[in-house]
């Protein structure tokens, strides 16, 4: 049986949480910019490409450096995603011009 290296796992969790938070903040910013942009499709495609490249590049570096860190990195992404998706549902709705 393989022993889990908890230090590597926690390192992956920390790096993954930071990059994932940046990823979803970039998503929010990209959507806000696209809503007022004359070319929203181009804005969203560029935003998605930049975010995906960053997420995968950092993940690749983490995977090359530490074996268990990639598990923590992926787990952190899933946790941050759950928070990012569910938190707006629980917050009180603010009035905007779209609703």
PDB file of N, CA and C in Angstrom:
ATOM      1  N   UNK A   1       0.835  -1.173   0.000  1.00  0.00           N
ATOM      2  CA  UNK A   1       0.000   0.000   0.000  1.00  0.00           C
ATOM      3  C   UNK A   1       0.888   1.248   0.000  1.00  0.00           C
ATOM      4  N   UNK A   2       0.464   2.243  -0.727  1.00  0.00           N
ATOM      5  CA  UNK A   2       1.216   3.485  -0.834  1.00  0.00           C
ATOM      6  C   UNK A   2       0.904   4.392   0.343  1.00  0.00           C
ATOM      7  N   UNK A   3       1.956   4.944   0.917  1.00  0.00           N
ATOM      8  CA  UNK A   3       1.770   5.898   2.010  1.00  0.00           C
ATOM      9  C   UNK A   3       1.490   7.279   1.443  1.00  0.00           C
ATOM     10  N   UNK A   4       0.579   7.976   2.070  1.00  0.00           N
ATOM     11  CA  UNK A   4       0.233   9.332   1.639  1.00  0.00           C
ATOM     12  C   UNK A   4       1.224  10.299   2.259  1.00  0.00           C
ATOM     13  N   UNK A   5       1.794  11.146   1.435  1.00  0.00           N
ATOM     14  CA  UNK A   5       2.671  12.208   1.923  1.00  0.00           C
ATOM     15  C   UNK A   5       1.796  13.425   2.201  1.00  0.00           C
ATOM     16  N   UNK A   6       1.477  13.620   3.471  1.00  0.00           N
ATOM     17  CA  UNK A   6       0.528  14.661   3.855  1.00  0.00           C
ATOM     18  C   UNK A   6       1.065  16.058   3.580  1.00  0.00           C
ATOM     19  N   UNK A   7       2.361  16.251   3.688  1.00  0.00           N
ATOM     20  CA  UNK A   7       2.944  17.572   3.409  1.00  0.00           C
ATOM     21  C   UNK A   7       2.760  17.931   1.938  1.00  0.00           C
ATOM     22  N   UNK A   8       2.996  16.972   1.052  1.00  0.00           N
ATOM     23  CA  UNK A   8       2.788  17.208  -0.381  1.00  0.00           C
ATOM     24  C   UNK A   8       1.316  17.457  -0.680  1.00  0.00           C
ATOM     25  N   UNK A   9       0.444  16.688  -0.072  1.00  0.00           N
ATOM     26  CA  UNK A   9      -0.993  16.847  -0.282  1.00  0.00           C
ATOM     27  C   UNK A   9      -1.454  18.237   0.150  1.00  0.00           C
ATOM     28  N   UNK A  10      -0.979  18.688   1.295  1.00  0.00           N
ATOM     29  CA  UNK A  10      -1.350  20.022   1.785  1.00  0.00           C
ATOM     30  C   UNK A  10      -0.769  21.121   0.898  1.00  0.00           C
ATOM     31  N   UNK A  11       0.439  20.899   0.385  1.00  0.00           N
ATOM     32  CA  UNK A  11       1.021  21.864  -0.548  1.00  0.00           C
ATOM     33  C   UNK A  11       0.158  21.974  -1.794  1.00  0.00           C
ATOM     34  N   UNK A  12      -0.271  20.839  -2.314  1.00  0.00           N
ATOM     35  CA  UNK A  12      -1.155  20.836  -3.474  1.00  0.00           C
ATOM     36  C   UNK A  12      -2.487  21.508  -3.188  1.00  0.00           C
ATOM     37  N   UNK A  13      -3.028  21.270  -2.000  1.00  0.00           N
ATOM     38  CA  UNK A  13      -4.279  21.920  -1.613  1.00  0.00           C
ATOM     39  C   UNK A  13      -4.120  23.433  -1.563  1.00  0.00           C
ATOM     40  N   UNK A  14      -3.017  23.900  -0.994  1.00  0.00           N
ATOM     41  CA  UNK A  14      -2.792  25.348  -0.881  1.00  0.00           C
ATOM     42  C   UNK A  14      -2.619  25.989  -2.255  1.00  0.00           C
ATOM     43  N   UNK A  15      -1.784  25.381  -3.087  1.00  0.00           N
ATOM     44  CA  UNK A  15      -1.561  25.926  -4.434  1.00  0.00           C
ATOM     45  C   UNK A  15      -2.849  25.844  -5.240  1.00  0.00           C
ATOM     46  N   UNK A  16      -3.539  24.721  -5.152  1.00  0.00           N
ATOM     47  CA  UNK A  16      -4.784  24.540  -5.890  1.00  0.00           C
ATOM     48  C   UNK A  16      -5.867  25.508  -5.467  1.00  0.00           C
ATOM     49  N   UNK A  17      -5.958  25.778  -4.176  1.00  0.00           N
ATOM     50  CA  UNK A  17      -6.974  26.724  -3.697  1.00  0.00           C
ATOM     51  C   UNK A  17      -6.687  28.128  -4.215  1.00  0.00           C
ATOM     52  N   UNK A  18      -5.422  28.518  -4.190  1.00  0.00           N
ATOM     53  CA  UNK A  18      -5.063  29.864  -4.670  1.00  0.00           C
ATOM     54  C   UNK A  18      -5.327  30.012  -6.165  1.00  0.00           C
ATOM     55  N   UNK A  19      -4.883  29.053  -6.951  1.00  0.00           N
ATOM     56  CA  UNK A  19      -5.059  29.121  -8.404  1.00  0.00           C
ATOM     57  C   UNK A  19      -6.539  28.998  -8.770  1.00  0.00           C
ATOM     58  N   UNK A  20      -7.268  28.152  -8.063  1.00  0.00           N
ATOM     59  CA  UNK A  20      -8.694  27.992  -8.349  1.00  0.00           C
ATOM     60  C   UNK A  20      -9.481  29.254  -8.017  1.00  0.00           C
ATOM     61  N   UNK A  21      -9.141  29.898  -6.914  1.00  0.00           N
ATOM     62  CA  UNK A  21      -9.796  31.165  -6.577  1.00  0.00           C
ATOM     63  C   UNK A  21      -9.513  32.202  -7.653  1.00  0.00           C
ATOM     64  N   UNK A  22      -8.277  32.242  -8.127  1.00  0.00           N
ATOM     65  CA  UNK A  22      -7.917  33.151  -9.213  1.00  0.00           C
ATOM     66  C   UNK A  22      -8.687  32.798 -10.486  1.00  0.00           C
ATOM     67  N   UNK A  23      -8.850  31.502 -10.756  1.00  0.00           N
ATOM     68  CA  UNK A  23      -9.571  31.026 -11.928  1.00  0.00           C
ATOM     69  C   UNK A  23     -11.023  31.522 -11.906  1.00  0.00           C
ATOM     70  N   UNK A  24     -11.701  31.345 -10.781  1.00  0.00           N
ATOM     71  CA  UNK A  24     -13.109  31.741 -10.707  1.00  0.00           C
ATOM     72  C   UNK A  24     -13.278  33.248 -10.599  1.00  0.00           C
ATOM     73  N   UNK A  25     -12.312  33.939 -10.019  1.00  0.00           N
ATOM     74  CA  UNK A  25     -12.355  35.402 -10.036  1.00  0.00           C
ATOM     75  C   UNK A  25     -12.197  35.902 -11.470  1.00  0.00           C
ATOM     76  N   UNK A  26     -11.326  35.260 -12.240  1.00  0.00           N
ATOM     77  CA  UNK A  26     -11.173  35.599 -13.652  1.00  0.00           C
ATOM     78  C   UNK A  26     -12.430  35.313 -14.444  1.00  0.00           C
ATOM     79  N   UNK A  27     -13.118  34.238 -14.107  1.00  0.00           N
ATOM     80  CA  UNK A  27     -14.390  33.931 -14.756  1.00  0.00           C
ATOM     81  C   UNK A  27     -15.404  35.030 -14.489  1.00  0.00           C
ATOM     82  N   UNK A  28     -15.517  35.444 -13.237  1.00  0.00           N
ATOM     83  CA  UNK A  28     -16.462  36.509 -12.890  1.00  0.00           C
ATOM     84  C   UNK A  28     -16.118  37.812 -13.610  1.00  0.00           C
ATOM     85  N   UNK A  29     -14.838  38.139 -13.636  1.00  0.00           N
ATOM     86  CA  UNK A  29     -14.407  39.360 -14.317  1.00  0.00           C
ATOM     87  C   UNK A  29     -14.666  39.270 -15.822  1.00  0.00           C
ATOM     88  N   UNK A  30     -14.375  38.124 -16.416  1.00  0.00           N
ATOM     89  CA  UNK A  30     -14.614  37.944 -17.848  1.00  0.00           C
ATOM     90  C   UNK A  30     -16.078  38.073 -18.222  1.00  0.00           C
ATOM     91  N   UNK A  31     -16.953  37.538 -17.394  1.00  0.00           N
ATOM     92  CA  UNK A  31     -18.390  37.639 -17.659  1.00  0.00           C
ATOM     93  C   UNK A  31     -18.856  39.085 -17.521  1.00  0.00           C
ATOM     94  N   UNK A  32     -18.378  39.770 -16.493  1.00  0.00           N
ATOM     95  CA  UNK A  32     -18.761  41.182 -16.314  1.00  0.00           C
ATOM     96  C   UNK A  32     -18.304  42.039 -17.493  1.00  0.00           C
ATOM     97  N   UNK A  33     -17.084  41.793 -17.966  1.00  0.00           N
ATOM     98  CA  UNK A  33     -16.574  42.550 -19.118  1.00  0.00           C
ATOM     99  C   UNK A  33     -17.367  42.197 -20.369  1.00  0.00           C
ATOM    100  N   UNK A  34     -17.695  40.912 -20.543  1.00  0.00           N
ATOM    101  CA  UNK A  34     -18.443  40.481 -21.727  1.00  0.00           C
ATOM    102  C   UNK A  34     -19.843  41.083 -21.769  1.00  0.00           C
ATOM    103  N   UNK A  35     -20.443  41.286 -20.609  1.00  0.00           N
ATOM    104  CA  UNK A  35     -21.800  41.847 -20.578  1.00  0.00           C
ATOM    105  C   UNK A  35     -21.867  43.271 -21.118  1.00  0.00           C
ATOM    106  N   UNK A  36     -20.787  44.012 -21.029  1.00  0.00           N
ATOM    107  CA  UNK A  36     -20.787  45.392 -21.524  1.00  0.00           C
ATOM    108  C   UNK A  36     -19.938  45.543 -22.787  1.00  0.00           C
ATOM    109  N   UNK A  37     -19.419  44.440 -23.300  1.00  0.00           N
ATOM    110  CA  UNK A  37     -18.533  44.479 -24.462  1.00  0.00           C
ATOM    111  C   UNK A  37     -19.330  44.461 -25.766  1.00  0.00           C
ATOM    112  N   UNK A  38     -18.734  45.062 -26.780  1.00  0.00           N
ATOM    113  CA  UNK A  38     -19.348  45.017 -28.108  1.00  0.00           C
ATOM    114  C   UNK A  38     -19.165  43.636 -28.739  1.00  0.00           C
ATOM    115  N   UNK A  39     -18.127  42.901 -28.316  1.00  0.00           N
ATOM    116  CA  UNK A  39     -17.844  41.554 -28.834  1.00  0.00           C
ATOM    117  C   UNK A  39     -17.722  40.579 -27.670  1.00  0.00           C
ATOM    118  N   UNK A  40     -18.838  40.182 -27.095  1.00  0.00           N
ATOM    119  CA  UNK A  40     -18.777  39.333 -25.902  1.00  0.00           C
ATOM    120  C   UNK A  40     -18.193  37.938 -26.164  1.00  0.00           C
ATOM    121  N   UNK A  41     -18.414  37.393 -27.342  1.00  0.00           N
ATOM    122  CA  UNK A  41     -17.898  36.057 -27.635  1.00  0.00           C
ATOM    123  C   UNK A  41     -16.384  36.041 -27.608  1.00  0.00           C
ATOM    124  N   UNK A  42     -15.770  37.023 -28.240  1.00  0.00           N
ATOM    125  CA  UNK A  42     -14.308  37.098 -28.252  1.00  0.00           C
ATOM    126  C   UNK A  42     -13.765  37.299 -26.837  1.00  0.00           C
ATOM    127  N   UNK A  43     -14.442  38.096 -26.056  1.00  0.00           N
ATOM    128  CA  UNK A  43     -14.019  38.335 -24.674  1.00  0.00           C
ATOM    129  C   UNK A  43     -14.078  37.048 -23.862  1.00  0.00           C
ATOM    130  N   UNK A  44     -15.169  36.307 -23.991  1.00  0.00           N
ATOM    131  CA  UNK A  44     -15.320  35.075 -23.229  1.00  0.00           C
ATOM    132  C   UNK A  44     -14.332  34.002 -23.679  1.00  0.00           C
ATOM    133  N   UNK A  45     -14.068  33.914 -24.973  1.00  0.00           N
ATOM    134  CA  UNK A  45     -13.115  32.924 -25.476  1.00  0.00           C
ATOM    135  C   UNK A  45     -11.704  33.242 -24.981  1.00  0.00           C
ATOM    136  N   UNK A  46     -11.312  34.496 -25.048  1.00  0.00           N
ATOM    137  CA  UNK A  46      -9.986  34.888 -24.573  1.00  0.00           C
ATOM    138  C   UNK A  46      -9.862  34.647 -23.068  1.00  0.00           C
ATOM    139  N   UNK A  47     -10.880  35.023 -22.325  1.00  0.00           N
ATOM    140  CA  UNK A  47     -10.879  34.809 -20.878  1.00  0.00           C
ATOM    141  C   UNK A  47     -10.755  33.324 -20.549  1.00  0.00           C
ATOM    142  N   UNK A  48     -11.536  32.501 -21.206  1.00  0.00           N
ATOM    143  CA  UNK A  48     -11.494  31.055 -20.956  1.00  0.00           C
ATOM    144  C   UNK A  48     -10.128  30.480 -21.312  1.00  0.00           C
ATOM    145  N   UNK A  49      -9.572  30.877 -22.445  1.00  0.00           N
ATOM    146  CA  UNK A  49      -8.274  30.363 -22.869  1.00  0.00           C
ATOM    147  C   UNK A  49      -7.185  30.717 -21.860  1.00  0.00           C
ATOM    148  N   UNK A  50      -7.162  31.961 -21.411  1.00  0.00           N
ATOM    149  CA  UNK A  50      -6.151  32.381 -20.440  1.00  0.00           C
ATOM    150  C   UNK A  50      -6.295  31.629 -19.121  1.00  0.00           C
ATOM    151  N   UNK A  51      -7.517  31.492 -18.640  1.00  0.00           N
ATOM    152  CA  UNK A  51      -7.746  30.809 -17.372  1.00  0.00           C
ATOM    153  C   UNK A  51      -7.395  29.330 -17.454  1.00  0.00           C
ATOM    154  N   UNK A  52      -7.776  28.676 -18.557  1.00  0.00           N
ATOM    155  CA  UNK A  52      -7.488  27.250 -18.714  1.00  0.00           C
ATOM    156  C   UNK A  52      -5.994  27.005 -18.825  1.00  0.00           C
ATOM    157  N   UNK A  53      -5.299  27.838 -19.597  1.00  0.00           N
ATOM    158  CA  UNK A  53      -3.846  27.681 -19.742  1.00  0.00           C
ATOM    159  C   UNK A  53      -3.153  27.849 -18.395  1.00  0.00           C
ATOM    160  N   UNK A  54      -3.563  28.862 -17.621  1.00  0.00           N
ATOM    161  CA  UNK A  54      -2.968  29.076 -16.301  1.00  0.00           C
ATOM    162  C   UNK A  54      -3.219  27.885 -15.385  1.00  0.00           C
ATOM    163  N   UNK A  55      -4.452  27.424 -15.330  1.00  0.00           N
ATOM    164  CA  UNK A  55      -4.812  26.304 -14.460  1.00  0.00           C
ATOM    165  C   UNK A  55      -4.027  25.039 -14.827  1.00  0.00           C
ATOM    166  N   UNK A  56      -3.952  24.732 -16.111  1.00  0.00           N
ATOM    167  CA  UNK A  56      -3.243  23.526 -16.545  1.00  0.00           C
ATOM    168  C   UNK A  56      -1.734  23.660 -16.405  1.00  0.00           C
ATOM    169  N   UNK A  57      -1.181  24.843 -16.667  1.00  0.00           N
ATOM    170  CA  UNK A  57       0.267  25.038 -16.551  1.00  0.00           C
ATOM    171  C   UNK A  57       0.723  24.873 -15.105  1.00  0.00           C
ATOM    172  N   UNK A  58      -0.003  25.481 -14.194  1.00  0.00           N
ATOM    173  CA  UNK A  58       0.355  25.340 -12.778  1.00  0.00           C
ATOM    174  C   UNK A  58       0.153  23.893 -12.331  1.00  0.00           C
ATOM    175  N   UNK A  59      -0.916  23.260 -12.780  1.00  0.00           N
ATOM    176  CA  UNK A  59      -1.153  21.856 -12.460  1.00  0.00           C
ATOM    177  C   UNK A  59      -0.051  20.960 -12.980  1.00  0.00           C
ATOM    178  N   UNK A  60       0.447  21.255 -14.167  1.00  0.00           N
ATOM    179  CA  UNK A  60       1.542  20.458 -14.740  1.00  0.00           C
ATOM    180  C   UNK A  60       2.806  20.617 -13.906  1.00  0.00           C
ATOM    181  N   UNK A  61       3.113  21.847 -13.502  1.00  0.00           N
ATOM    182  CA  UNK A  61       4.297  22.084 -12.667  1.00  0.00           C
ATOM    183  C   UNK A  61       4.157  21.365 -11.330  1.00  0.00           C
ATOM    184  N   UNK A  62       2.977  21.447 -10.738  1.00  0.00           N
ATOM    185  CA  UNK A  62       2.743  20.763  -9.461  1.00  0.00           C
ATOM    186  C   UNK A  62       2.910  19.256  -9.634  1.00  0.00           C
ATOM    187  N   UNK A  63       2.387  18.695 -10.710  1.00  0.00           N
ATOM    188  CA  UNK A  63       2.474  17.258 -10.951  1.00  0.00           C
ATOM    189  C   UNK A  63       3.916  16.811 -11.189  1.00  0.00           C
ATOM    190  N   UNK A  64       4.721  17.659 -11.802  1.00  0.00           N
ATOM    191  CA  UNK A  64       6.120  17.323 -12.060  1.00  0.00           C
ATOM    192  C   UNK A  64       6.970  17.421 -10.797  1.00  0.00           C
ATOM    193  N   UNK A  65       6.539  18.240  -9.862  1.00  0.00           N
ATOM    194  CA  UNK A  65       7.342  18.507  -8.677  1.00  0.00           C
ATOM    195  C   UNK A  65       7.037  17.545  -7.538  1.00  0.00           C
ATOM    196  N   UNK A  66       5.763  17.343  -7.234  1.00  0.00           N
ATOM    197  CA  UNK A  66       5.361  16.508  -6.111  1.00  0.00           C
ATOM    198  C   UNK A  66       4.312  15.503  -6.566  1.00  0.00           C
ATOM    199  N   UNK A  67       4.455  14.270  -6.129  1.00  0.00           N
ATOM    200  CA  UNK A  67       3.530  13.220  -6.561  1.00  0.00           C
ATOM    201  C   UNK A  67       2.134  13.394  -5.961  1.00  0.00           C
ATOM    202  N   UNK A  68       2.030  13.583  -4.656  1.00  0.00           N
ATOM    203  CA  UNK A  68       0.728  13.684  -4.005  1.00  0.00           C
ATOM    204  C   UNK A  68       0.111  15.065  -4.126  1.00  0.00           C
ATOM    205  N   UNK A  69       0.903  16.033  -4.532  1.00  0.00           N
ATOM    206  CA  UNK A  69       0.385  17.397  -4.611  1.00  0.00           C
ATOM    207  C   UNK A  69      -0.679  17.538  -5.693  1.00  0.00           C
ATOM    208  N   UNK A  70      -0.587  16.769  -6.757  1.00  0.00           N
ATOM    209  CA  UNK A  70      -1.574  16.893  -7.825  1.00  0.00           C
ATOM    210  C   UNK A  70      -2.952  16.423  -7.337  1.00  0.00           C
ATOM    211  N   UNK A  71      -2.965  15.479  -6.416  1.00  0.00           N
ATOM    212  CA  UNK A  71      -4.234  15.044  -5.829  1.00  0.00           C
ATOM    213  C   UNK A  71      -4.843  16.191  -5.023  1.00  0.00           C
ATOM    214  N   UNK A  72      -4.029  16.843  -4.221  1.00  0.00           N
ATOM    215  CA  UNK A  72      -4.501  17.991  -3.452  1.00  0.00           C
ATOM    216  C   UNK A  72      -4.917  19.146  -4.341  1.00  0.00           C
ATOM    217  N   UNK A  73      -4.173  19.348  -5.419  1.00  0.00           N
ATOM    218  CA  UNK A  73      -4.471  20.416  -6.380  1.00  0.00           C
ATOM    219  C   UNK A  73      -5.857  20.205  -6.999  1.00  0.00           C
ATOM    220  N   UNK A  74      -6.117  18.988  -7.458  1.00  0.00           N
ATOM    221  CA  UNK A  74      -7.422  18.674  -8.058  1.00  0.00           C
ATOM    222  C   UNK A  74      -8.544  18.744  -7.024  1.00  0.00           C
ATOM    223  N   UNK A  75      -8.283  18.261  -5.822  1.00  0.00           N
ATOM    224  CA  UNK A  75      -9.280  18.315  -4.761  1.00  0.00           C
ATOM    225  C   UNK A  75      -9.609  19.764  -4.395  1.00  0.00           C
ATOM    226  N   UNK A  76      -8.595  20.611  -4.346  1.00  0.00           N
ATOM    227  CA  UNK A  76      -8.816  22.029  -4.039  1.00  0.00           C
ATOM    228  C   UNK A  76      -9.669  22.689  -5.116  1.00  0.00           C
ATOM    229  N   UNK A  77      -9.427  22.340  -6.384  1.00  0.00           N
ATOM    230  CA  UNK A  77     -10.237  22.911  -7.455  1.00  0.00           C
ATOM    231  C   UNK A  77     -11.705  22.536  -7.273  1.00  0.00           C
ATOM    232  N   UNK A  78     -11.962  21.282  -6.947  1.00  0.00           N
ATOM    233  CA  UNK A  78     -13.346  20.845  -6.754  1.00  0.00           C
ATOM    234  C   UNK A  78     -14.003  21.549  -5.566  1.00  0.00           C
ATOM    235  N   UNK A  79     -13.258  21.711  -4.485  1.00  0.00           N
ATOM    236  CA  UNK A  79     -13.809  22.385  -3.305  1.00  0.00           C
ATOM    237  C   UNK A  79     -14.107  23.849  -3.615  1.00  0.00           C
ATOM    238  N   UNK A  80     -13.162  24.541  -4.246  1.00  0.00           N
ATOM    239  CA  UNK A  80     -13.369  25.949  -4.586  1.00  0.00           C
ATOM    240  C   UNK A  80     -14.515  26.085  -5.580  1.00  0.00           C
ATOM    241  N   UNK A  81     -14.632  25.154  -6.503  1.00  0.00           N
ATOM    242  CA  UNK A  81     -15.737  25.190  -7.462  1.00  0.00           C
ATOM    243  C   UNK A  81     -17.077  25.056  -6.758  1.00  0.00           C
ATOM    244  N   UNK A  82     -17.166  24.125  -5.812  1.00  0.00           N
ATOM    245  CA  UNK A  82     -18.406  23.965  -5.054  1.00  0.00           C
ATOM    246  C   UNK A  82     -18.770  25.249  -4.308  1.00  0.00           C
ATOM    247  N   UNK A  83     -17.785  25.880  -3.704  1.00  0.00           N
ATOM    248  CA  UNK A  83     -18.034  27.139  -2.992  1.00  0.00           C
ATOM    249  C   UNK A  83     -18.448  28.223  -3.977  1.00  0.00           C
ATOM    250  N   UNK A  84     -17.730  28.325  -5.097  1.00  0.00           N
ATOM    251  CA  UNK A  84     -18.019  29.379  -6.073  1.00  0.00           C
ATOM    252  C   UNK A  84     -19.397  29.222  -6.704  1.00  0.00           C
ATOM    253  N   UNK A  85     -19.858  28.014  -6.854  1.00  0.00           N
ATOM    254  CA  UNK A  85     -21.171  27.785  -7.456  1.00  0.00           C
ATOM    255  C   UNK A  85     -22.288  27.947  -6.428  1.00  0.00           C
ATOM    256  N   UNK A  86     -22.066  27.476  -5.215  1.00  0.00           N
ATOM    257  CA  UNK A  86     -23.131  27.477  -4.215  1.00  0.00           C
ATOM    258  C   UNK A  86     -23.232  28.760  -3.406  1.00  0.00           C
ATOM    259  N   UNK A  87     -22.160  29.495  -3.257  1.00  0.00           N
ATOM    260  CA  UNK A  87     -22.196  30.721  -2.462  1.00  0.00           C
ATOM    261  C   UNK A  87     -23.156  31.764  -3.030  1.00  0.00           C
ATOM    262  N   UNK A  88     -23.159  32.042  -4.326  1.00  0.00           N
ATOM    263  CA  UNK A  88     -24.119  33.033  -4.837  1.00  0.00           C
ATOM    264  C   UNK A  88     -25.581  32.622  -4.647  1.00  0.00           C
ATOM    265  N   UNK A  89     -25.836  31.352  -4.590  1.00  0.00           N
ATOM    266  CA  UNK A  89     -27.212  30.890  -4.370  1.00  0.00           C
ATOM    267  C   UNK A  89     -27.686  31.209  -2.959  1.00  0.00           C
ATOM    268  N   UNK A  90     -26.777  31.258  -2.015  1.00  0.00           N
ATOM    269  CA  UNK A  90     -27.122  31.474  -0.615  1.00  0.00           C
ATOM    270  C   UNK A  90     -27.108  32.948  -0.221  1.00  0.00           C
ATOM    271  N   UNK A  91     -26.417  33.777  -0.980  1.00  0.00           N
ATOM    272  CA  UNK A  91     -26.354  35.205  -0.675  1.00  0.00           C
ATOM    273  C   UNK A  91     -27.648  35.888  -1.090  1.00  0.00           C
ATOM    274  N   UNK A  92     -28.027  36.947  -0.387  1.00  0.00           N
ATOM    275  CA  UNK A  92     -29.231  37.675  -0.810  1.00  0.00           C
ATOM    276  C   UNK A  92     -29.014  38.299  -2.185  1.00  0.00           C
ATOM    277  N   UNK A  93     -30.060  38.271  -2.984  1.00  0.00           N
ATOM    278  CA  UNK A  93     -29.963  38.790  -4.344  1.00  0.00           C
ATOM    279  C   UNK A  93     -29.946  40.304  -4.327  1.00  0.00           C
ATOM    280  N   UNK A  94     -29.010  40.882  -5.044  1.00  0.00           N
ATOM    281  CA  UNK A  94     -29.005  42.341  -5.178  1.00  0.00           C
ATOM    282  C   UNK A  94     -29.701  42.710  -6.478  1.00  0.00           C
ATOM    283  N   UNK A  95     -30.321  43.818  -6.468  1.00  0.00           N
ATOM    284  CA  UNK A  95     -31.097  44.264  -7.637  1.00  0.00           C
ATOM    285  C   UNK A  95     -30.155  44.821  -8.687  1.00  0.00           C
ATOM    286  N   UNK A  96     -30.251  44.294  -9.912  1.00  0.00           N
ATOM    287  CA  UNK A  96     -29.471  44.798 -11.038  1.00  0.00           C
ATOM    288  C   UNK A  96     -30.423  45.137 -12.156  1.00  0.00           C
ATOM    289  N   UNK A  97     -29.895  45.648 -13.207  1.00  0.00           N
ATOM    290  CA  UNK A  97     -30.772  46.006 -14.330  1.00  0.00           C
ATOM    291  C   UNK A  97     -31.241  44.803 -15.123  1.00  0.00           C
ATOM    292  N   UNK A  98     -30.655  43.620 -14.862  1.00  0.00           N
ATOM    293  CA  UNK A  98     -31.042  42.425 -15.621  1.00  0.00           C
ATOM    294  C   UNK A  98     -32.118  41.603 -14.922  1.00  0.00           C
ATOM    295  N   UNK A  99     -32.418  41.876 -13.649  1.00  0.00           N
ATOM    296  CA  UNK A  99     -33.452  41.044 -13.008  1.00  0.00           C
ATOM    297  C   UNK A  99     -34.562  41.884 -12.436  1.00  0.00           C
TER     298      UNK A  99
END
